[in-house]
Amino acid sequence: MAATHCHLACFQETKLAAIDGAFASFLGGYKHNRFAFKPANSTRGGILLLWNDNYIDLQDIVVRRFSVTATVSIHECGTTFLLTVVYGPPRDSLKQAFLRELKNSKPVDASAWLVLGDFNLIYCARDKNNRNLNLRRMRQFRAALSFCELREIHLQNRKFTWSNERRRPTLARLDRVFCNERWDLTFEQHGLQALATSLSDHYPLVLSSLAGPRRPRPFRFENFWIKIPGFYDEVRVVWKRSSPHSQPIRILHHKLSSTASHLRRWSQSILSDAKKKLFMALEVIKRLDIAQESRDLSDAKLALRHGLKRRVVGLAVIERARKKQASRITNLREGDANTKFFHQKVIARRRKNIIQCLHHQGGWATSHEDKASLVHN
């Protein structure tokens, strides 16, 4: 969620019977300040929606047995569409009721409609890596999609979205994103891509706009810098440098700008290896996931994959702390003079239309169980 700068996140199979505002804010990295949820039945099911109301708003929220439906409004362009987040039941005895609910969720008018989540169903044989298929369920799922007039948004970089994580895994495409014709025409430039599984057995999916350049990341002061040996010496050396200006306000501005630039380079020199290791770990996990779709992995590769999954936990803790700090700073509207500089620097990163970097093999996505569906403005 931190890497994709998503404005709306959708979780399936939360296994949580109750969620309060503090816990929802914690899950959303203290950036998503609104939430709606469907409670889990004991430890089964559960759906959670988190969103940042600076960019979008969700209204007319309806919680059903297997889904949550809401009207999404995008502040920047004023566009609205209907969103349905589903978690299909794993039990066969409930799948018929789930498909009936999906049909009943179809908008009565010609509204743009987006449906996403963990369906726990497939509708064609290529959605699974073995021949253990329920043809009757596949036909029923196809019939429901046809009745709802839904088309699938193509997943650009993966064949499957779930693995049972065994030595010879069963792979299936359970997590999907569908839309009707009106939504497809309204949001012409969109793409769906998958991230590395990280700690999950589902692949996070990110649905995002593909138009426009990504803004450069502005300077942000990190609280943990002051705990690193040598930090004060670095600041002292830069601050004592002479300024080409003569006016006090310009001298102060020059010193602050120089200090910010120097601290950014200093931080990168310290943390760049850690970040590279994280991104390399995620890339290796993704490549092993892809390789597992076509062949069995050796014991050494499986051990490597499990070890890499454990190592990503450390950065998740750091990122959560950073996002919490950034949220506190950007929520300051009128603070004392000592915080004004940092507030002005950090607030620039809260912008609309932040688009993810894509490479030729793909990269980002929307929905998944115990994981997150991410919808970009």
Protein backbone atom coordinates (compact mmCIF):
# COMPACT_ATOMS: atom_id res chain seq x y z
CA MET A 1 0.00 0.00 0.00
CA ALA A 2 2.85 2.39 0.81
CA ALA A 3 4.67 1.57 -2.43
CA THR A 4 1.63 2.09 -4.68
CA HIS A 5 0.24 5.24 -3.01
CA CYS A 6 -3.25 3.82 -3.36
CA HIS A 7 -6.32 5.88 -2.42
CA LEU A 8 -8.64 2.93 -1.88
CA ALA A 9 -7.66 -0.47 -0.47
CA CYS A 10 -9.93 -3.51 -0.35
CA PHE A 11 -9.15 -6.51 1.87
CA GLN A 12 -10.87 -9.87 1.71
CA GLU A 13 -10.97 -12.58 4.40
CA THR A 14 -9.96 -10.28 7.23
CA LYS A 15 -11.12 -12.85 9.84
CA LEU A 16 -12.03 -9.88 12.07
CA ALA A 17 -15.42 -9.71 13.78
CA ALA A 18 -14.98 -6.03 14.76
CA ILE A 19 -12.81 -3.15 13.53
CA ASP A 20 -12.54 0.29 15.12
CA GLY A 21 -11.16 3.52 13.70
CA ALA A 22 -7.76 3.25 15.38
CA PHE A 23 -7.13 -0.25 14.07
CA ALA A 24 -8.33 0.64 10.57
CA SER A 25 -6.00 3.65 10.54
CA PHE A 26 -3.14 1.42 11.67
CA LEU A 27 -3.81 -1.03 8.82
CA GLY A 28 -4.00 1.82 6.32
CA GLY A 29 -0.66 3.26 7.32
CA TYR A 30 -2.35 6.28 8.94
CA LYS A 31 -3.11 7.69 5.50
CA HIS A 32 -6.52 6.10 4.88
CA ASN A 33 -8.76 7.95 7.34
CA ARG A 34 -12.11 6.37 6.45
CA PHE A 35 -13.23 2.76 6.48
CA ALA A 36 -16.18 0.39 6.08
CA PHE A 37 -16.24 -3.31 6.81
CA LYS A 38 -18.25 -6.50 6.79
CA PRO A 39 -17.63 -8.50 9.99
CA ALA A 40 -16.24 -12.00 9.74
CA ASN A 41 -18.33 -14.95 10.86
CA SER A 42 -16.15 -16.25 13.68
CA THR A 43 -12.79 -16.54 11.87
CA ARG A 44 -14.27 -16.96 8.39
CA GLY A 45 -14.62 -14.24 5.79
CA GLY A 46 -14.74 -10.53 6.43
CA ILE A 47 -14.24 -7.55 4.09
CA LEU A 48 -12.56 -4.21 4.81
CA LEU A 49 -12.46 -1.04 2.69
CA LEU A 50 -10.00 1.75 3.53
CA TRP A 51 -9.87 5.04 1.68
CA ASN A 52 -8.33 8.50 1.79
CA ASP A 53 -11.14 11.06 1.69
CA ASN A 54 -8.77 13.74 0.41
CA TYR A 55 -9.06 12.06 -2.98
CA ILE A 56 -12.19 9.91 -3.03
CA ASP A 57 -15.36 9.36 -1.05
CA LEU A 58 -17.57 6.31 -0.56
CA GLN A 59 -21.29 6.73 0.00
CA ASP A 60 -24.44 4.58 0.10
CA ILE A 61 -22.50 1.66 1.55
CA VAL A 62 -24.49 -1.59 1.52
CA VAL A 63 -23.19 -4.66 3.37
CA ARG A 64 -24.51 -8.00 2.11
CA ARG A 65 -23.76 -11.60 2.99
CA PHE A 66 -20.79 -11.98 0.65
CA SER A 67 -20.04 -8.43 -0.46
CA VAL A 68 -19.83 -4.71 0.26
CA THR A 69 -21.17 -2.26 -2.32
CA ALA A 70 -20.65 1.51 -2.34
CA THR A 71 -20.77 4.52 -4.65
CA VAL A 72 -17.26 5.89 -5.23
CA SER A 73 -16.81 9.59 -6.00
CA ILE A 74 -13.47 10.93 -7.27
CA HIS A 75 -12.92 14.49 -6.07
CA GLU A 76 -10.57 15.61 -8.84
CA CYS A 77 -12.84 14.91 -11.80
CA GLY A 78 -16.23 14.44 -10.12
CA THR A 79 -16.66 10.98 -11.65
CA THR A 80 -18.71 8.39 -9.77
CA PHE A 81 -19.06 4.64 -10.15
CA LEU A 82 -20.48 1.69 -8.27
CA LEU A 83 -17.95 -0.55 -6.51
CA THR A 84 -18.68 -4.09 -5.28
CA VAL A 85 -16.04 -5.93 -3.25
CA VAL A 86 -16.71 -9.65 -2.85
CA TYR A 87 -15.36 -12.58 -0.91
CA GLY A 88 -16.72 -15.77 -2.44
CA PRO A 89 -17.40 -18.61 0.01
CA PRO A 90 -14.99 -21.56 -0.17
CA ARG A 91 -17.81 -24.02 0.64
CA ASP A 92 -19.58 -25.42 -2.42
CA SER A 93 -22.95 -25.36 -0.67
CA LEU A 94 -22.82 -21.53 -0.52
CA LYS A 95 -21.55 -20.75 -4.01
CA GLN A 96 -25.01 -20.71 -5.57
CA ALA A 97 -26.18 -18.16 -3.01
CA PHE A 98 -23.06 -16.09 -3.72
CA LEU A 99 -23.79 -16.01 -7.45
CA ARG A 100 -27.40 -15.00 -6.79
CA GLU A 101 -26.18 -12.12 -4.64
CA LEU A 102 -23.79 -11.04 -7.40
CA LYS A 103 -26.69 -10.92 -9.86
CA ASN A 104 -28.81 -8.92 -7.41
CA SER A 105 -25.98 -6.40 -7.01
CA LYS A 106 -26.20 -5.39 -10.67
CA PRO A 107 -27.19 -1.70 -10.91
CA VAL A 108 -30.67 -1.13 -12.25
CA ASP A 109 -29.53 1.85 -14.31
CA ALA A 110 -26.57 2.19 -16.68
CA SER A 111 -24.12 3.15 -13.93
CA ALA A 112 -20.44 2.38 -14.26
CA TRP A 113 -19.78 -0.76 -12.18
CA LEU A 114 -16.55 -2.27 -10.91
CA VAL A 115 -16.53 -5.68 -9.20
CA LEU A 116 -13.41 -7.08 -7.57
CA GLY A 117 -12.26 -9.49 -4.89
CA ASP A 118 -11.57 -13.12 -4.13
CA PHE A 119 -14.30 -15.05 -5.94
CA ASN A 120 -13.10 -18.55 -4.99
CA LEU A 121 -14.38 -19.56 -8.43
CA ILE A 122 -12.92 -19.99 -11.89
CA TYR A 123 -14.75 -19.89 -15.21
CA CYS A 124 -12.29 -21.55 -17.61
CA ALA A 125 -9.83 -24.45 -17.43
CA ARG A 126 -6.74 -22.29 -17.92
CA ASP A 127 -7.44 -20.60 -14.58
CA LYS A 128 -6.02 -23.62 -12.75
CA ASN A 129 -2.79 -25.59 -13.15
CA ASN A 130 -4.41 -29.03 -12.79
CA ARG A 131 -7.47 -30.83 -14.15
CA ASN A 132 -9.40 -30.94 -10.88
CA LEU A 133 -12.26 -28.83 -12.26
CA ASN A 134 -15.91 -28.41 -11.40
CA LEU A 135 -17.42 -27.80 -14.82
CA ARG A 136 -20.89 -27.13 -13.47
CA ARG A 137 -19.63 -24.34 -11.19
CA MET A 138 -17.63 -22.89 -14.06
CA ARG A 139 -20.76 -22.74 -16.24
CA GLN A 140 -22.74 -21.12 -13.43
CA PHE A 141 -20.04 -18.50 -12.91
CA ARG A 142 -19.94 -17.71 -16.63
CA ALA A 143 -23.73 -17.42 -16.68
CA ALA A 144 -23.69 -15.00 -13.75
CA LEU A 145 -21.04 -12.83 -15.43
CA SER A 146 -23.05 -12.80 -18.63
CA PHE A 147 -26.22 -11.81 -16.76
CA CYS A 148 -24.36 -8.96 -15.04
CA GLU A 149 -22.76 -7.89 -18.36
CA LEU A 150 -19.30 -7.91 -16.79
CA ARG A 151 -16.01 -8.19 -18.63
CA GLU A 152 -12.74 -9.09 -16.95
CA ILE A 153 -9.93 -6.56 -16.75
CA HIS A 154 -6.87 -8.32 -18.12
CA LEU A 155 -4.16 -9.16 -15.59
CA GLN A 156 -1.04 -8.17 -17.48
CA ASN A 157 1.78 -10.03 -15.77
CA ARG A 158 0.44 -13.21 -14.13
CA LYS A 159 -1.51 -16.36 -14.97
CA PHE A 160 -2.60 -17.22 -11.43
CA THR A 161 -3.28 -15.24 -8.25
CA TRP A 162 -3.25 -17.91 -5.52
CA SER A 163 -1.05 -20.78 -4.43
CA ASN A 164 -1.52 -23.35 -1.68
CA GLU A 165 2.22 -22.98 -0.95
CA ARG A 166 2.93 -26.73 -1.08
CA ARG A 167 5.88 -28.59 -2.55
CA ARG A 168 3.91 -29.20 -5.74
CA PRO A 169 1.46 -26.33 -5.46
CA THR A 170 -2.03 -25.96 -6.74
CA LEU A 171 -2.24 -22.64 -8.55
CA ALA A 172 -5.48 -20.89 -9.44
CA ARG A 173 -6.80 -17.51 -10.51
CA LEU A 174 -9.26 -16.74 -7.73
CA ASP A 175 -8.75 -12.97 -7.44
CA ARG A 176 -10.23 -10.95 -10.27
CA VAL A 177 -11.44 -7.54 -11.34
CA PHE A 178 -14.51 -7.14 -13.57
CA CYS A 179 -16.19 -4.06 -14.99
CA ASN A 180 -19.15 -3.26 -17.19
CA GLU A 181 -18.94 -1.40 -20.48
CA ARG A 182 -19.75 1.98 -18.92
CA TRP A 183 -16.86 1.75 -16.44
CA ASP A 184 -14.47 0.60 -19.17
CA LEU A 185 -15.33 3.60 -21.33
CA THR A 186 -15.15 6.04 -18.43
CA PHE A 187 -11.68 4.90 -17.35
CA GLU A 188 -10.00 4.16 -20.65
CA GLN A 189 -6.38 4.26 -19.47
CA HIS A 190 -6.21 1.69 -16.72
CA GLY A 191 -4.10 -1.38 -16.08
CA LEU A 192 -4.18 -4.33 -13.70
CA GLN A 193 -0.96 -5.89 -12.50
CA ALA A 194 0.22 -8.19 -9.72
CA LEU A 195 2.85 -7.63 -7.08
CA ALA A 196 5.00 -10.19 -5.29
CA THR A 197 3.15 -12.36 -2.78
CA SER A 198 5.35 -11.13 0.08
CA LEU A 199 4.00 -12.95 3.16
CA SER A 200 0.69 -13.97 1.60
CA ASP A 201 -0.47 -16.91 -0.48
CA HIS A 202 -2.42 -14.49 -2.71
CA TYR A 203 -0.88 -11.94 -5.05
CA PRO A 204 -1.78 -8.30 -4.29
CA LEU A 205 -3.37 -6.67 -7.32
CA VAL A 206 -3.22 -2.97 -8.20
CA LEU A 207 -5.64 -1.28 -10.56
CA SER A 208 -4.20 2.05 -11.63
CA SER A 209 -4.24 4.73 -14.27
CA LEU A 210 -1.49 4.40 -16.86
CA ALA A 211 -1.50 8.03 -18.00
CA GLY A 212 0.89 10.76 -17.00
CA PRO A 213 4.36 10.96 -15.45
CA ARG A 214 5.06 10.23 -11.82
CA ARG A 215 5.96 13.22 -9.69
CA PRO A 216 9.39 13.20 -8.07
CA ARG A 217 9.35 12.41 -4.38
CA PRO A 218 9.89 15.55 -2.23
CA PHE A 219 12.19 15.81 0.76
CA ARG A 220 10.87 14.37 4.01
CA PHE A 221 12.65 14.55 7.34
CA GLU A 222 12.80 11.15 9.03
CA ASN A 223 12.57 11.08 12.80
CA PHE A 224 14.88 8.07 13.10
CA TRP A 225 17.77 10.05 11.52
CA ILE A 226 18.58 11.72 14.84
CA LYS A 227 19.29 8.29 16.36
CA ILE A 228 21.93 7.44 13.75
CA PRO A 229 25.52 8.16 14.85
CA GLY A 230 26.98 11.07 12.92
CA PHE A 231 23.68 12.78 12.11
CA TYR A 232 24.42 15.97 14.09
CA ASP A 233 27.92 16.16 12.63
CA GLU A 234 26.47 16.01 9.10
CA VAL A 235 24.02 18.82 9.85
CA ARG A 236 26.69 20.92 11.58
CA VAL A 237 29.09 20.69 8.64
CA VAL A 238 26.47 21.73 6.07
CA TRP A 239 25.01 24.49 8.25
CA LYS A 240 28.41 26.15 8.74
CA ARG A 241 29.03 26.50 5.02
CA SER A 242 28.99 30.05 3.69
CA SER A 243 25.99 31.32 1.75
CA PRO A 244 26.14 33.37 -1.46
CA HIS A 245 23.27 35.54 -0.21
CA SER A 246 23.33 38.59 2.06
CA GLN A 247 19.71 38.91 3.18
CA PRO A 248 18.96 36.91 6.37
CA ILE A 249 15.82 35.27 4.97
CA ARG A 250 17.68 34.13 1.84
CA ILE A 251 20.58 32.86 3.92
CA LEU A 252 18.17 30.83 6.04
CA HIS A 253 16.42 29.45 2.95
CA HIS A 254 19.75 28.50 1.38
CA LYS A 255 20.92 26.72 4.53
CA LEU A 256 17.66 24.81 4.88
CA SER A 257 17.68 23.76 1.22
CA SER A 258 21.32 22.74 1.36
CA THR A 259 20.75 20.78 4.56
CA ALA A 260 17.73 19.00 3.06
CA SER A 261 19.67 18.01 -0.07
CA HIS A 262 22.65 16.83 1.95
CA LEU A 263 20.48 14.78 4.35
CA ARG A 264 18.73 13.12 1.41
CA ARG A 265 22.05 12.01 -0.07
CA TRP A 266 23.36 11.02 3.36
CA SER A 267 20.27 8.92 4.07
CA GLN A 268 20.48 7.21 0.69
CA SER A 269 24.12 6.32 1.30
CA ILE A 270 23.13 4.64 4.57
CA LEU A 271 19.82 3.01 3.63
CA SER A 272 20.25 2.37 -0.09
CA ASP A 273 21.63 -1.13 0.47
CA ALA A 274 18.68 -2.05 2.69
CA LYS A 275 16.18 -0.77 0.14
CA LYS A 276 17.94 -2.54 -2.70
CA LYS A 277 17.88 -5.78 -0.73
CA LEU A 278 14.14 -5.39 -0.14
CA PHE A 279 13.33 -4.70 -3.79
CA MET A 280 15.63 -7.53 -4.88
CA ALA A 281 13.90 -9.87 -2.43
CA LEU A 282 10.46 -8.97 -3.79
CA GLU A 283 11.69 -9.37 -7.36
CA VAL A 284 13.16 -12.80 -6.62
CA ILE A 285 9.92 -13.86 -4.88
CA LYS A 286 7.94 -12.78 -7.93
CA ARG A 287 10.23 -14.64 -10.33
CA LEU A 288 10.03 -17.80 -8.22
CA ASP A 289 6.23 -17.44 -8.15
CA ILE A 290 6.20 -17.25 -11.94
CA ALA A 291 8.56 -20.21 -12.26
CA GLN A 292 6.33 -22.24 -9.94
CA GLU A 293 3.46 -21.89 -12.39
CA SER A 294 5.25 -24.04 -14.96
CA ARG A 295 7.53 -26.34 -12.95
CA ASP A 296 8.27 -27.65 -9.47
CA LEU A 297 10.81 -25.68 -7.48
CA SER A 298 13.77 -27.41 -5.90
CA ASP A 299 14.12 -27.60 -2.14
CA ALA A 300 16.83 -24.93 -2.23
CA LYS A 301 14.63 -22.52 -4.16
CA LEU A 302 11.68 -23.17 -1.87
CA ALA A 303 13.90 -22.48 1.16
CA LEU A 304 15.13 -19.29 -0.50
CA ARG A 305 11.55 -18.17 -1.19
CA HIS A 306 10.44 -18.79 2.41
CA GLY A 307 13.51 -16.99 3.76
CA LEU A 308 12.90 -13.94 1.55
CA LYS A 309 9.28 -13.77 2.65
CA ARG A 310 10.43 -13.53 6.27
CA ARG A 311 12.93 -10.77 5.51
CA VAL A 312 10.34 -8.37 4.10
CA VAL A 313 8.75 -8.04 7.54
CA GLY A 314 11.49 -5.68 8.73
CA LEU A 315 10.89 -3.10 6.06
CA ALA A 316 7.13 -3.28 6.61
CA VAL A 317 7.69 -2.12 10.19
CA ILE A 318 9.90 0.77 9.05
CA GLU A 319 7.43 1.85 6.35
CA ARG A 320 4.56 1.84 8.85
CA ALA A 321 6.54 4.14 11.14
CA ARG A 322 7.38 6.45 8.25
CA LYS A 323 3.80 6.70 7.06
CA LYS A 324 2.59 7.41 10.59
CA GLN A 325 5.11 10.22 10.89
CA ALA A 326 4.19 11.67 7.49
CA SER A 327 0.49 11.57 8.38
CA ARG A 328 1.10 13.51 11.59
CA ILE A 329 3.03 16.18 9.73
CA THR A 330 0.59 16.65 6.86
CA ASN A 331 -2.36 16.86 9.24
CA LEU A 332 -0.86 19.98 10.83
CA ARG A 333 -2.73 22.94 9.41
CA GLU A 334 -1.40 25.66 11.69
CA GLY A 335 1.63 24.71 13.74
CA ASP A 336 4.48 26.60 15.31
CA ALA A 337 7.29 27.99 13.17
CA ASN A 338 9.58 25.06 13.90
CA THR A 339 7.27 22.62 12.08
CA LYS A 340 6.35 24.87 9.16
CA PHE A 341 9.35 23.96 7.03
CA PHE A 342 8.77 20.23 7.31
CA HIS A 343 5.05 20.66 6.82
CA GLN A 344 5.55 22.54 3.55
CA LYS A 345 7.97 19.91 2.30
CA VAL A 346 5.86 16.87 3.15
CA ILE A 347 2.49 18.23 2.01
CA ALA A 348 3.72 18.25 -1.60
CA ARG A 349 3.67 14.47 -1.68
CA ARG A 350 -0.09 14.40 -1.06
CA ARG A 351 -1.10 14.85 -4.65
CA LYS A 352 -3.62 13.27 -6.95
CA ASN A 353 -2.85 11.10 -9.96
CA ILE A 354 0.32 9.51 -8.62
CA ILE A 355 1.04 6.81 -11.19
CA GLN A 356 3.17 3.76 -10.53
CA CYS A 357 6.33 3.01 -12.51
CA LEU A 358 5.81 0.06 -14.84
CA HIS A 359 8.45 -2.10 -16.49
CA HIS A 360 8.13 -4.45 -19.43
CA GLN A 361 7.33 -7.47 -17.28
CA GLY A 362 4.52 -5.73 -15.43
CA GLY A 363 4.11 -4.68 -11.89
CA TRP A 364 1.02 -3.57 -9.98
CA ALA A 365 -2.74 -4.62 -9.19
CA THR A 366 -6.42 -4.72 -7.31
CA SER A 367 -7.81 -7.36 -4.90
CA HIS A 368 -6.87 -10.36 -2.87
CA GLU A 369 -7.61 -12.40 0.18
CA ASP A 370 -6.03 -11.59 3.52
CA LYS A 371 -4.24 -9.14 1.32
CA ALA A 372 -5.29 -5.99 -0.44
CA SER A 373 -7.15 -4.82 -3.51
CA LEU A 374 -5.91 -1.42 -4.47
CA VAL A 375 -7.81 1.00 -6.65
CA HIS A 376 -6.01 4.06 -8.01
CA ASN A 377 -7.49 7.36 -8.98
